Amino acid sequence: MTNWKGSVTQRPKYWGHLVRELVYEYLDADVIERLKTNVPQPRHGRNWHQWLSSQYGLRKLLEHIWMLIGISKTCLNMAELKQRMAEHFGRMLVNYMLYLPPMSEPIK
């Protein structure tokens, strides 16, 4: 969906933001709160999923990833995936109005 053609190890850094947005932000609040308070900041070799255990959150993470894969198979692009995830989890759509000053010259 991102049209990335390179190596998986050389993927763009924004993929980390996608993982945080699509995976960790949708986990149960208690799992995320435990990760934020009890583990160090994510860095190379110290990722959040490594701090989950079978007693605390690992099963929920795996279930969520499989659900995310299922939803992503029905989407054509990343924007559609983000929208469907938000809808599935009951997030509300917020539209902002942007006002621009009048243009002095018409666009040609």
PDB file of N, CA and C in Angstrom:
ATOM      1  N   MET A   1       0.804  -1.196   0.000  1.00  0.00           N
ATOM      2  CA  MET A   1       0.000   0.000   0.000  1.00  0.00           C
ATOM      3  C   MET A   1       0.848   1.261   0.000  1.00  0.00           C
ATOM      4  N   THR A   2       2.075   1.164   0.430  1.00  0.00           N
ATOM      5  CA  THR A   2       2.934   2.347   0.425  1.00  0.00           C
ATOM      6  C   THR A   2       3.761   2.433  -0.854  1.00  0.00           C
ATOM      7  N   ASN A   3       3.667   1.423  -1.701  1.00  0.00           N
ATOM      8  CA  ASN A   3       4.428   1.353  -2.952  1.00  0.00           C
ATOM      9  C   ASN A   3       5.937   1.346  -2.728  1.00  0.00           C
ATOM     10  N   TRP A   4       6.382   0.853  -1.601  1.00  0.00           N
ATOM     11  CA  TRP A   4       7.811   0.767  -1.305  1.00  0.00           C
ATOM     12  C   TRP A   4       8.414  -0.375  -2.102  1.00  0.00           C
ATOM     13  N   LYS A   5       9.467  -0.091  -2.847  1.00  0.00           N
ATOM     14  CA  LYS A   5      10.106  -1.086  -3.699  1.00  0.00           C
ATOM     15  C   LYS A   5      11.458  -1.553  -3.167  1.00  0.00           C
ATOM     16  N   GLY A   6      11.985  -0.877  -2.170  1.00  0.00           N
ATOM     17  CA  GLY A   6      13.317  -1.194  -1.662  1.00  0.00           C
ATOM     18  C   GLY A   6      13.309  -2.335  -0.657  1.00  0.00           C
ATOM     19  N   SER A   7      14.442  -2.514  -0.017  1.00  0.00           N
ATOM     20  CA  SER A   7      14.626  -3.550   0.988  1.00  0.00           C
ATOM     21  C   SER A   7      13.810  -3.232   2.240  1.00  0.00           C
ATOM     22  N   VAL A   8      13.361  -4.269   2.923  1.00  0.00           N
ATOM     23  CA  VAL A   8      12.600  -4.082   4.158  1.00  0.00           C
ATOM     24  C   VAL A   8      13.471  -3.418   5.217  1.00  0.00           C
ATOM     25  N   THR A   9      14.759  -3.705   5.213  1.00  0.00           N
ATOM     26  CA  THR A   9      15.647  -3.111   6.218  1.00  0.00           C
ATOM     27  C   THR A   9      15.942  -1.642   5.932  1.00  0.00           C
ATOM     28  N   GLN A  10      15.678  -1.174   4.737  1.00  0.00           N
ATOM     29  CA  GLN A  10      15.927   0.219   4.379  1.00  0.00           C
ATOM     30  C   GLN A  10      14.630   1.012   4.214  1.00  0.00           C
ATOM     31  N   ARG A  11      13.552   0.552   4.814  1.00  0.00           N
ATOM     32  CA  ARG A  11      12.258   1.211   4.653  1.00  0.00           C
ATOM     33  C   ARG A  11      12.278   2.612   5.282  1.00  0.00           C
ATOM     34  N   PRO A  12      11.381   3.478   4.808  1.00  0.00           N
ATOM     35  CA  PRO A  12      11.340   4.852   5.325  1.00  0.00           C
ATOM     36  C   PRO A  12      11.010   4.897   6.810  1.00  0.00           C
ATOM     37  N   LYS A  13      11.494   5.925   7.479  1.00  0.00           N
ATOM     38  CA  LYS A  13      11.284   6.047   8.923  1.00  0.00           C
ATOM     39  C   LYS A  13       9.816   6.256   9.287  1.00  0.00           C
ATOM     40  N   TYR A  14       9.015   6.797   8.372  1.00  0.00           N
ATOM     41  CA  TYR A  14       7.609   7.028   8.709  1.00  0.00           C
ATOM     42  C   TYR A  14       6.858   5.723   8.924  1.00  0.00           C
ATOM     43  N   TRP A  15       7.414   4.596   8.519  1.00  0.00           N
ATOM     44  CA  TRP A  15       6.777   3.307   8.790  1.00  0.00           C
ATOM     45  C   TRP A  15       6.630   3.080  10.285  1.00  0.00           C
ATOM     46  N   GLY A  16       7.586   3.554  11.050  1.00  0.00           N
ATOM     47  CA  GLY A  16       7.475   3.453  12.510  1.00  0.00           C
ATOM     48  C   GLY A  16       6.262   4.214  13.027  1.00  0.00           C
ATOM     49  N   HIS A  17       5.982   5.361  12.440  1.00  0.00           N
ATOM     50  CA  HIS A  17       4.806   6.134  12.821  1.00  0.00           C
ATOM     51  C   HIS A  17       3.532   5.398  12.422  1.00  0.00           C
ATOM     52  N   LEU A  18       3.554   4.735  11.260  1.00  0.00           N
ATOM     53  CA  LEU A  18       2.388   3.953  10.840  1.00  0.00           C
ATOM     54  C   LEU A  18       2.125   2.805  11.802  1.00  0.00           C
ATOM     55  N   VAL A  19       3.180   2.131  12.240  1.00  0.00           N
ATOM     56  CA  VAL A  19       3.022   1.021  13.190  1.00  0.00           C
ATOM     57  C   VAL A  19       2.433   1.537  14.494  1.00  0.00           C
ATOM     58  N   ARG A  20       2.956   2.648  14.985  1.00  0.00           N
ATOM     59  CA  ARG A  20       2.440   3.203  16.237  1.00  0.00           C
ATOM     60  C   ARG A  20       0.971   3.606  16.069  1.00  0.00           C
ATOM     61  N   GLU A  21       0.647   4.239  14.945  1.00  0.00           N
ATOM     62  CA  GLU A  21      -0.718   4.707  14.718  1.00  0.00           C
ATOM     63  C   GLU A  21      -1.707   3.563  14.508  1.00  0.00           C
ATOM     64  N   LEU A  22      -1.354   2.600  13.662  1.00  0.00           N
ATOM     65  CA  LEU A  22      -2.300   1.550  13.290  1.00  0.00           C
ATOM     66  C   LEU A  22      -2.315   0.358  14.233  1.00  0.00           C
ATOM     67  N   VAL A  23      -1.244   0.159  14.973  1.00  0.00           N
ATOM     68  CA  VAL A  23      -1.186  -1.001  15.868  1.00  0.00           C
ATOM     69  C   VAL A  23      -1.325  -0.579  17.322  1.00  0.00           C
ATOM     70  N   TYR A  24      -0.356   0.150  17.843  1.00  0.00           N
ATOM     71  CA  TYR A  24      -0.319   0.411  19.276  1.00  0.00           C
ATOM     72  C   TYR A  24      -1.395   1.378  19.751  1.00  0.00           C
ATOM     73  N   GLU A  25      -1.770   2.374  18.943  1.00  0.00           N
ATOM     74  CA  GLU A  25      -2.791   3.323  19.388  1.00  0.00           C
ATOM     75  C   GLU A  25      -4.179   2.698  19.460  1.00  0.00           C
ATOM     76  N   TYR A  26      -4.372   1.569  18.800  1.00  0.00           N
ATOM     77  CA  TYR A  26      -5.679   0.915  18.824  1.00  0.00           C
ATOM     78  C   TYR A  26      -5.745  -0.235  19.829  1.00  0.00           C
ATOM     79  N   LEU A  27      -4.660  -0.547  20.499  1.00  0.00           N
ATOM     80  CA  LEU A  27      -4.704  -1.592  21.529  1.00  0.00           C
ATOM     81  C   LEU A  27      -5.503  -1.091  22.724  1.00  0.00           C
ATOM     82  N   ASP A  28      -5.898  -1.999  23.578  1.00  0.00           N
ATOM     83  CA  ASP A  28      -6.633  -1.613  24.782  1.00  0.00           C
ATOM     84  C   ASP A  28      -5.827  -0.599  25.587  1.00  0.00           C
ATOM     85  N   ALA A  29      -6.529   0.305  26.219  1.00  0.00           N
ATOM     86  CA  ALA A  29      -5.884   1.388  26.960  1.00  0.00           C
ATOM     87  C   ALA A  29      -4.971   0.863  28.067  1.00  0.00           C
ATOM     88  N   ASP A  30      -5.353  -0.229  28.729  1.00  0.00           N
ATOM     89  CA  ASP A  30      -4.515  -0.748  29.807  1.00  0.00           C
ATOM     90  C   ASP A  30      -3.192  -1.305  29.288  1.00  0.00           C
ATOM     91  N   VAL A  31      -3.202  -1.896  28.107  1.00  0.00           N
ATOM     92  CA  VAL A  31      -1.968  -2.433  27.523  1.00  0.00           C
ATOM     93  C   VAL A  31      -1.037  -1.284  27.158  1.00  0.00           C
ATOM     94  N   ILE A  32      -1.564  -0.274  26.503  1.00  0.00           N
ATOM     95  CA  ILE A  32      -0.747   0.860  26.095  1.00  0.00           C
ATOM     96  C   ILE A  32      -0.212   1.609  27.303  1.00  0.00           C
ATOM     97  N   GLU A  33      -1.033   1.781  28.327  1.00  0.00           N
ATOM     98  CA  GLU A  33      -0.583   2.495  29.536  1.00  0.00           C
ATOM     99  C   GLU A  33       0.561   1.749  30.205  1.00  0.00           C
ATOM    100  N   ARG A  34       0.466   0.428  30.251  1.00  0.00           N
ATOM    101  CA  ARG A  34       1.559  -0.361  30.849  1.00  0.00           C
ATOM    102  C   ARG A  34       2.832  -0.226  30.034  1.00  0.00           C
ATOM    103  N   LEU A  35       2.705  -0.234  28.714  1.00  0.00           N
ATOM    104  CA  LEU A  35       3.886  -0.081  27.872  1.00  0.00           C
ATOM    105  C   LEU A  35       4.525   1.297  28.053  1.00  0.00           C
ATOM    106  N   LYS A  36       3.706   2.324  28.138  1.00  0.00           N
ATOM    107  CA  LYS A  36       4.245   3.679  28.270  1.00  0.00           C
ATOM    108  C   LYS A  36       4.909   3.911  29.616  1.00  0.00           C
ATOM    109  N   THR A  37       4.402   3.274  30.679  1.00  0.00           N
ATOM    110  CA  THR A  37       4.937   3.539  32.013  1.00  0.00           C
ATOM    111  C   THR A  37       6.023   2.574  32.455  1.00  0.00           C
ATOM    112  N   ASN A  38       6.077   1.368  31.902  1.00  0.00           N
ATOM    113  CA  ASN A  38       6.979   0.350  32.432  1.00  0.00           C
ATOM    114  C   ASN A  38       8.132  -0.042  31.530  1.00  0.00           C
ATOM    115  N   VAL A  39       8.212   0.493  30.347  1.00  0.00           N
ATOM    116  CA  VAL A  39       9.305   0.103  29.462  1.00  0.00           C
ATOM    117  C   VAL A  39      10.011   1.333  28.936  1.00  0.00           C
ATOM    118  N   PRO A  40      11.257   1.169  28.516  1.00  0.00           N
ATOM    119  CA  PRO A  40      11.990   2.313  27.971  1.00  0.00           C
ATOM    120  C   PRO A  40      11.435   2.750  26.625  1.00  0.00           C
ATOM    121  N   GLN A  41      11.837   3.928  26.196  1.00  0.00           N
ATOM    122  CA  GLN A  41      11.420   4.435  24.900  1.00  0.00           C
ATOM    123  C   GLN A  41      11.877   3.474  23.806  1.00  0.00           C
ATOM    124  N   PRO A  42      11.031   3.279  22.771  1.00  0.00           N
ATOM    125  CA  PRO A  42      11.422   2.377  21.681  1.00  0.00           C
ATOM    126  C   PRO A  42      12.680   2.872  20.967  1.00  0.00           C
ATOM    127  N   ARG A  43      13.625   1.999  20.813  1.00  0.00           N
ATOM    128  CA  ARG A  43      14.853   2.267  20.074  1.00  0.00           C
ATOM    129  C   ARG A  43      15.243   0.974  19.385  1.00  0.00           C
ATOM    130  N   HIS A  44      16.246   1.050  18.561  1.00  0.00           N
ATOM    131  CA  HIS A  44      16.716  -0.145  17.867  1.00  0.00           C
ATOM    132  C   HIS A  44      17.075  -1.210  18.898  1.00  0.00           C
ATOM    133  N   GLY A  45      16.447  -2.346  18.802  1.00  0.00           N
ATOM    134  CA  GLY A  45      16.718  -3.451  19.713  1.00  0.00           C
ATOM    135  C   GLY A  45      15.862  -3.443  20.960  1.00  0.00           C
ATOM    136  N   ARG A  46      15.091  -2.378  21.181  1.00  0.00           N
ATOM    137  CA  ARG A  46      14.208  -2.301  22.351  1.00  0.00           C
ATOM    138  C   ARG A  46      12.842  -1.818  21.880  1.00  0.00           C
ATOM    139  N   ASN A  47      12.080  -2.688  21.276  1.00  0.00           N
ATOM    140  CA  ASN A  47      10.768  -2.330  20.740  1.00  0.00           C
ATOM    141  C   ASN A  47       9.673  -2.716  21.712  1.00  0.00           C
ATOM    142  N   TRP A  48       8.547  -2.018  21.618  1.00  0.00           N
ATOM    143  CA  TRP A  48       7.462  -2.232  22.573  1.00  0.00           C
ATOM    144  C   TRP A  48       6.977  -3.674  22.588  1.00  0.00           C
ATOM    145  N   HIS A  49       6.867  -4.309  21.418  1.00  0.00           N
ATOM    146  CA  HIS A  49       6.312  -5.664  21.400  1.00  0.00           C
ATOM    147  C   HIS A  49       7.174  -6.637  22.191  1.00  0.00           C
ATOM    148  N   GLN A  50       8.450  -6.322  22.393  1.00  0.00           N
ATOM    149  CA  GLN A  50       9.336  -7.209  23.147  1.00  0.00           C
ATOM    150  C   GLN A  50       9.028  -7.178  24.644  1.00  0.00           C
ATOM    151  N   TRP A  51       8.285  -6.189  25.102  1.00  0.00           N
ATOM    152  CA  TRP A  51       7.979  -6.054  26.517  1.00  0.00           C
ATOM    153  C   TRP A  51       6.616  -6.638  26.870  1.00  0.00           C
ATOM    154  N   LEU A  52       5.908  -7.140  25.877  1.00  0.00           N
ATOM    155  CA  LEU A  52       4.628  -7.789  26.154  1.00  0.00           C
ATOM    156  C   LEU A  52       4.865  -9.257  26.475  1.00  0.00           C
ATOM    157  N   SER A  53       4.032  -9.824  27.300  1.00  0.00           N
ATOM    158  CA  SER A  53       4.174 -11.236  27.642  1.00  0.00           C
ATOM    159  C   SER A  53       2.849 -11.937  27.352  1.00  0.00           C
ATOM    160  N   SER A  54       2.882 -13.249  27.457  1.00  0.00           N
ATOM    161  CA  SER A  54       1.650 -13.998  27.212  1.00  0.00           C
ATOM    162  C   SER A  54       0.597 -13.650  28.260  1.00  0.00           C
ATOM    163  N   GLN A  55       1.023 -13.217  29.450  1.00  0.00           N
ATOM    164  CA  GLN A  55       0.062 -12.828  30.471  1.00  0.00           C
ATOM    165  C   GLN A  55      -0.415 -11.399  30.281  1.00  0.00           C
ATOM    166  N   TYR A  56       0.343 -10.591  29.585  1.00  0.00           N
ATOM    167  CA  TYR A  56      -0.026  -9.186  29.493  1.00  0.00           C
ATOM    168  C   TYR A  56       0.110  -8.652  28.073  1.00  0.00           C
ATOM    169  N   GLY A  57      -0.916  -8.750  27.302  1.00  0.00           N
ATOM    170  CA  GLY A  57      -1.013  -8.032  26.050  1.00  0.00           C
ATOM    171  C   GLY A  57      -0.556  -8.708  24.779  1.00  0.00           C
ATOM    172  N   LEU A  58       0.253  -9.752  24.852  1.00  0.00           N
ATOM    173  CA  LEU A  58       0.774 -10.356  23.629  1.00  0.00           C
ATOM    174  C   LEU A  58      -0.351 -10.943  22.779  1.00  0.00           C
ATOM    175  N   ARG A  59      -1.287 -11.603  23.406  1.00  0.00           N
ATOM    176  CA  ARG A  59      -2.413 -12.184  22.665  1.00  0.00           C
ATOM    177  C   ARG A  59      -3.238 -11.072  22.008  1.00  0.00           C
ATOM    178  N   LYS A  60      -3.481  -9.986  22.733  1.00  0.00           N
ATOM    179  CA  LYS A  60      -4.241  -8.874  22.168  1.00  0.00           C
ATOM    180  C   LYS A  60      -3.505  -8.252  20.990  1.00  0.00           C
ATOM    181  N   LEU A  61      -2.188  -8.151  21.091  1.00  0.00           N
ATOM    182  CA  LEU A  61      -1.393  -7.590  20.002  1.00  0.00           C
ATOM    183  C   LEU A  61      -1.496  -8.464  18.761  1.00  0.00           C
ATOM    184  N   LEU A  62      -1.355  -9.767  18.914  1.00  0.00           N
ATOM    185  CA  LEU A  62      -1.436 -10.679  17.772  1.00  0.00           C
ATOM    186  C   LEU A  62      -2.826 -10.662  17.130  1.00  0.00           C
ATOM    187  N   GLU A  63      -3.864 -10.653  17.952  1.00  0.00           N
ATOM    188  CA  GLU A  63      -5.226 -10.585  17.416  1.00  0.00           C
ATOM    189  C   GLU A  63      -5.425  -9.292  16.632  1.00  0.00           C
ATOM    190  N   HIS A  64      -4.912  -8.200  17.172  1.00  0.00           N
ATOM    191  CA  HIS A  64      -5.057  -6.910  16.505  1.00  0.00           C
ATOM    192  C   HIS A  64      -4.301  -6.891  15.177  1.00  0.00           C
ATOM    193  N   ILE A  65      -3.110  -7.439  15.146  1.00  0.00           N
ATOM    194  CA  ILE A  65      -2.324  -7.458  13.905  1.00  0.00           C
ATOM    195  C   ILE A  65      -3.048  -8.256  12.825  1.00  0.00           C
ATOM    196  N   TRP A  66      -3.621  -9.405  13.186  1.00  0.00           N
ATOM    197  CA  TRP A  66      -4.350 -10.202  12.194  1.00  0.00           C
ATOM    198  C   TRP A  66      -5.594  -9.464  11.706  1.00  0.00           C
ATOM    199  N   MET A  67      -6.274  -8.749  12.597  1.00  0.00           N
ATOM    200  CA  MET A  67      -7.420  -7.966  12.191  1.00  0.00           C
ATOM    201  C   MET A  67      -6.984  -6.825  11.265  1.00  0.00           C
ATOM    202  N   LEU A  68      -5.873  -6.180  11.574  1.00  0.00           N
ATOM    203  CA  LEU A  68      -5.332  -5.108  10.739  1.00  0.00           C
ATOM    204  C   LEU A  68      -4.975  -5.635   9.347  1.00  0.00           C
ATOM    205  N   ILE A  69      -4.403  -6.806   9.283  1.00  0.00           N
ATOM    206  CA  ILE A  69      -4.074  -7.414   7.982  1.00  0.00           C
ATOM    207  C   ILE A  69      -5.359  -7.672   7.188  1.00  0.00           C
ATOM    208  N   GLY A  70      -6.388  -8.183   7.846  1.00  0.00           N
ATOM    209  CA  GLY A  70      -7.656  -8.442   7.168  1.00  0.00           C
ATOM    210  C   GLY A  70      -8.281  -7.169   6.619  1.00  0.00           C
ATOM    211  N   ILE A  71      -8.300  -6.121   7.414  1.00  0.00           N
ATOM    212  CA  ILE A  71      -8.856  -4.847   6.950  1.00  0.00           C
ATOM    213  C   ILE A  71      -8.012  -4.281   5.817  1.00  0.00           C
ATOM    214  N   SER A  72      -6.696  -4.392   5.924  1.00  0.00           N
ATOM    215  CA  SER A  72      -5.822  -3.812   4.899  1.00  0.00           C
ATOM    216  C   SER A  72      -5.997  -4.492   3.540  1.00  0.00           C
ATOM    217  N   LYS A  73      -6.393  -5.747   3.535  1.00  0.00           N
ATOM    218  CA  LYS A  73      -6.608  -6.453   2.266  1.00  0.00           C
ATOM    219  C   LYS A  73      -7.803  -5.909   1.497  1.00  0.00           C
ATOM    220  N   THR A  74      -8.683  -5.188   2.177  1.00  0.00           N
ATOM    221  CA  THR A  74      -9.853  -4.616   1.509  1.00  0.00           C
ATOM    222  C   THR A  74      -9.624  -3.172   1.074  1.00  0.00           C
ATOM    223  N   CYS A  75      -8.454  -2.622   1.377  1.00  0.00           N
ATOM    224  CA  CYS A  75      -8.172  -1.211   1.094  1.00  0.00           C
ATOM    225  C   CYS A  75      -7.260  -1.064  -0.115  1.00  0.00           C
ATOM    226  N   LEU A  76      -7.412   0.055  -0.790  1.00  0.00           N
ATOM    227  CA  LEU A  76      -6.586   0.344  -1.959  1.00  0.00           C
ATOM    228  C   LEU A  76      -5.371   1.202  -1.638  1.00  0.00           C
ATOM    229  N   ASN A  77      -5.442   1.994  -0.561  1.00  0.00           N
ATOM    230  CA  ASN A  77      -4.325   2.864  -0.206  1.00  0.00           C
ATOM    231  C   ASN A  77      -4.292   3.079   1.305  1.00  0.00           C
ATOM    232  N   MET A  78      -3.253   3.774   1.751  1.00  0.00           N
ATOM    233  CA  MET A  78      -3.042   3.969   3.186  1.00  0.00           C
ATOM    234  C   MET A  78      -4.129   4.857   3.795  1.00  0.00           C
ATOM    235  N   ALA A  79      -4.590   5.860   3.066  1.00  0.00           N
ATOM    236  CA  ALA A  79      -5.641   6.741   3.587  1.00  0.00           C
ATOM    237  C   ALA A  79      -6.919   5.951   3.858  1.00  0.00           C
ATOM    238  N   GLU A  80      -7.258   5.040   2.960  1.00  0.00           N
ATOM    239  CA  GLU A  80      -8.452   4.224   3.145  1.00  0.00           C
ATOM    240  C   GLU A  80      -8.287   3.288   4.339  1.00  0.00           C
ATOM    241  N   LEU A  81      -7.094   2.742   4.519  1.00  0.00           N
ATOM    242  CA  LEU A  81      -6.844   1.870   5.674  1.00  0.00           C
ATOM    243  C   LEU A  81      -6.999   2.650   6.976  1.00  0.00           C
ATOM    244  N   LYS A  82      -6.432   3.830   7.039  1.00  0.00           N
ATOM    245  CA  LYS A  82      -6.557   4.646   8.255  1.00  0.00           C
ATOM    246  C   LYS A  82      -8.016   4.967   8.543  1.00  0.00           C
ATOM    247  N   GLN A  83      -8.770   5.285   7.500  1.00  0.00           N
ATOM    248  CA  GLN A  83     -10.181   5.606   7.664  1.00  0.00           C
ATOM    249  C   GLN A  83     -10.965   4.392   8.160  1.00  0.00           C
ATOM    250  N   ARG A  84     -10.735   3.235   7.580  1.00  0.00           N
ATOM    251  CA  ARG A  84     -11.470   2.027   7.993  1.00  0.00           C
ATOM    252  C   ARG A  84     -11.107   1.601   9.411  1.00  0.00           C
ATOM    253  N   MET A  85      -9.848   1.758   9.781  1.00  0.00           N
ATOM    254  CA  MET A  85      -9.457   1.435  11.159  1.00  0.00           C
ATOM    255  C   MET A  85     -10.167   2.367  12.143  1.00  0.00           C
ATOM    256  N   ALA A  86     -10.188   3.646  11.822  1.00  0.00           N
ATOM    257  CA  ALA A  86     -10.854   4.613  12.699  1.00  0.00           C
ATOM    258  C   ALA A  86     -12.340   4.296  12.817  1.00  0.00           C
ATOM    259  N   GLU A  87     -12.977   3.975  11.709  1.00  0.00           N
ATOM    260  CA  GLU A  87     -14.397   3.624  11.736  1.00  0.00           C
ATOM    261  C   GLU A  87     -14.641   2.358  12.543  1.00  0.00           C
ATOM    262  N   HIS A  88     -13.783   1.354  12.350  1.00  0.00           N
ATOM    263  CA  HIS A  88     -13.945   0.086  13.058  1.00  0.00           C
ATOM    264  C   HIS A  88     -13.856   0.275  14.571  1.00  0.00           C
ATOM    265  N   PHE A  89     -12.986   1.161  15.015  1.00  0.00           N
ATOM    266  CA  PHE A  89     -12.775   1.369  16.442  1.00  0.00           C
ATOM    267  C   PHE A  89     -13.585   2.532  16.998  1.00  0.00           C
ATOM    268  N   GLY A  90     -14.517   3.064  16.195  1.00  0.00           N
ATOM    269  CA  GLY A  90     -15.439   4.072  16.690  1.00  0.00           C
ATOM    270  C   GLY A  90     -14.863   5.457  16.867  1.00  0.00           C
ATOM    271  N   ARG A  91     -13.805   5.757  16.192  1.00  0.00           N
ATOM    272  CA  ARG A  91     -13.267   7.113  16.280  1.00  0.00           C
ATOM    273  C   ARG A  91     -14.099   8.037  15.404  1.00  0.00           C
ATOM    274  N   MET A  92     -14.201   9.271  15.844  1.00  0.00           N
ATOM    275  CA  MET A  92     -15.030  10.230  15.126  1.00  0.00           C
ATOM    276  C   MET A  92     -14.196  11.033  14.140  1.00  0.00           C
ATOM    277  N   LEU A  93     -14.774  11.296  12.990  1.00  0.00           N
ATOM    278  CA  LEU A  93     -14.141  12.101  11.967  1.00  0.00           C
ATOM    279  C   LEU A  93     -14.316  13.571  12.315  1.00  0.00           C
ATOM    280  N   VAL A  94     -13.230  14.322  12.255  1.00  0.00           N
ATOM    281  CA  VAL A  94     -13.271  15.750  12.522  1.00  0.00           C
ATOM    282  C   VAL A  94     -12.757  16.463  11.291  1.00  0.00           C
ATOM    283  N   ASN A  95     -13.540  17.370  10.767  1.00  0.00           N
ATOM    284  CA  ASN A  95     -13.122  18.178   9.622  1.00  0.00           C
ATOM    285  C   ASN A  95     -12.853  19.598  10.098  1.00  0.00           C
ATOM    286  N   TYR A  96     -11.752  20.143   9.659  1.00  0.00           N
ATOM    287  CA  TYR A  96     -11.419  21.519   9.985  1.00  0.00           C
ATOM    288  C   TYR A  96     -11.685  22.400   8.775  1.00  0.00           C
ATOM    289  N   MET A  97     -12.122  23.612   9.040  1.00  0.00           N
ATOM    290  CA  MET A  97     -12.310  24.572   7.961  1.00  0.00           C
ATOM    291  C   MET A  97     -11.071  25.458   7.909  1.00  0.00           C
ATOM    292  N   LEU A  98     -10.597  25.679   6.726  1.00  0.00           N
ATOM    293  CA  LEU A  98      -9.409  26.497   6.536  1.00  0.00           C
ATOM    294  C   LEU A  98      -9.801  27.709   5.715  1.00  0.00           C
ATOM    295  N   TYR A  99      -9.539  28.893   6.240  1.00  0.00           N
ATOM    296  CA  TYR A  99      -9.857  30.123   5.535  1.00  0.00           C
ATOM    297  C   TYR A  99      -8.586  30.732   4.980  1.00  0.00           C
ATOM    298  N   LEU A 100      -8.629  31.079   3.705  1.00  0.00           N
ATOM    299  CA  LEU A 100      -7.491  31.701   3.046  1.00  0.00           C
ATOM    300  C   LEU A 100      -7.850  33.139   2.692  1.00  0.00           C
ATOM    301  N   PRO A 101      -6.850  34.017   2.718  1.00  0.00           N
ATOM    302  CA  PRO A 101      -7.148  35.394   2.307  1.00  0.00           C
ATOM    303  C   PRO A 101      -7.470  35.430   0.815  1.00  0.00           C
ATOM    304  N   PRO A 102      -8.234  36.435   0.374  1.00  0.00           N
ATOM    305  CA  PRO A 102      -8.562  36.510  -1.047  1.00  0.00           C
ATOM    306  C   PRO A 102      -7.303  36.714  -1.883  1.00  0.00           C
ATOM    307  N   MET A 103      -7.317  36.124  -3.039  1.00  0.00           N
ATOM    308  CA  MET A 103      -6.165  36.245  -3.927  1.00  0.00           C
ATOM    309  C   MET A 103      -6.267  37.553  -4.705  1.00  0.00           C
ATOM    310  N   SER A 104      -5.149  38.234  -4.861  1.00  0.00           N
ATOM    311  CA  SER A 104      -5.172  39.507  -5.563  1.00  0.00           C
ATOM    312  C   SER A 104      -5.218  39.308  -7.070  1.00  0.00           C
ATOM    313  N   GLU A 105      -4.651  38.220  -7.554  1.00  0.00           N
ATOM    314  CA  GLU A 105      -4.660  37.935  -8.983  1.00  0.00           C
ATOM    315  C   GLU A 105      -5.295  36.569  -9.224  1.00  0.00           C
ATOM    316  N   PRO A 106      -6.107  36.447 -10.268  1.00  0.00           N
ATOM    317  CA  PRO A 106      -6.685  35.130 -10.562  1.00  0.00           C
ATOM    318  C   PRO A 106      -5.625  34.150 -11.035  1.00  0.00           C
ATOM    319  N   ILE A 107      -5.850  32.901 -10.754  1.00  0.00           N
ATOM    320  CA  ILE A 107      -4.926  31.842 -11.184  1.00  0.00           C
ATOM    321  C   ILE A 107      -5.114  31.602 -12.663  1.00  0.00           C
ATOM    322  N   LYS A 108      -4.042  31.558 -13.386  1.00  0.00           N
ATOM    323  CA  LYS A 108      -4.112  31.330 -14.838  1.00  0.00           C
ATOM    324  C   LYS A 108      -3.825  29.906 -15.199  1.00  0.00           C
TER     325      LYS A 108
END
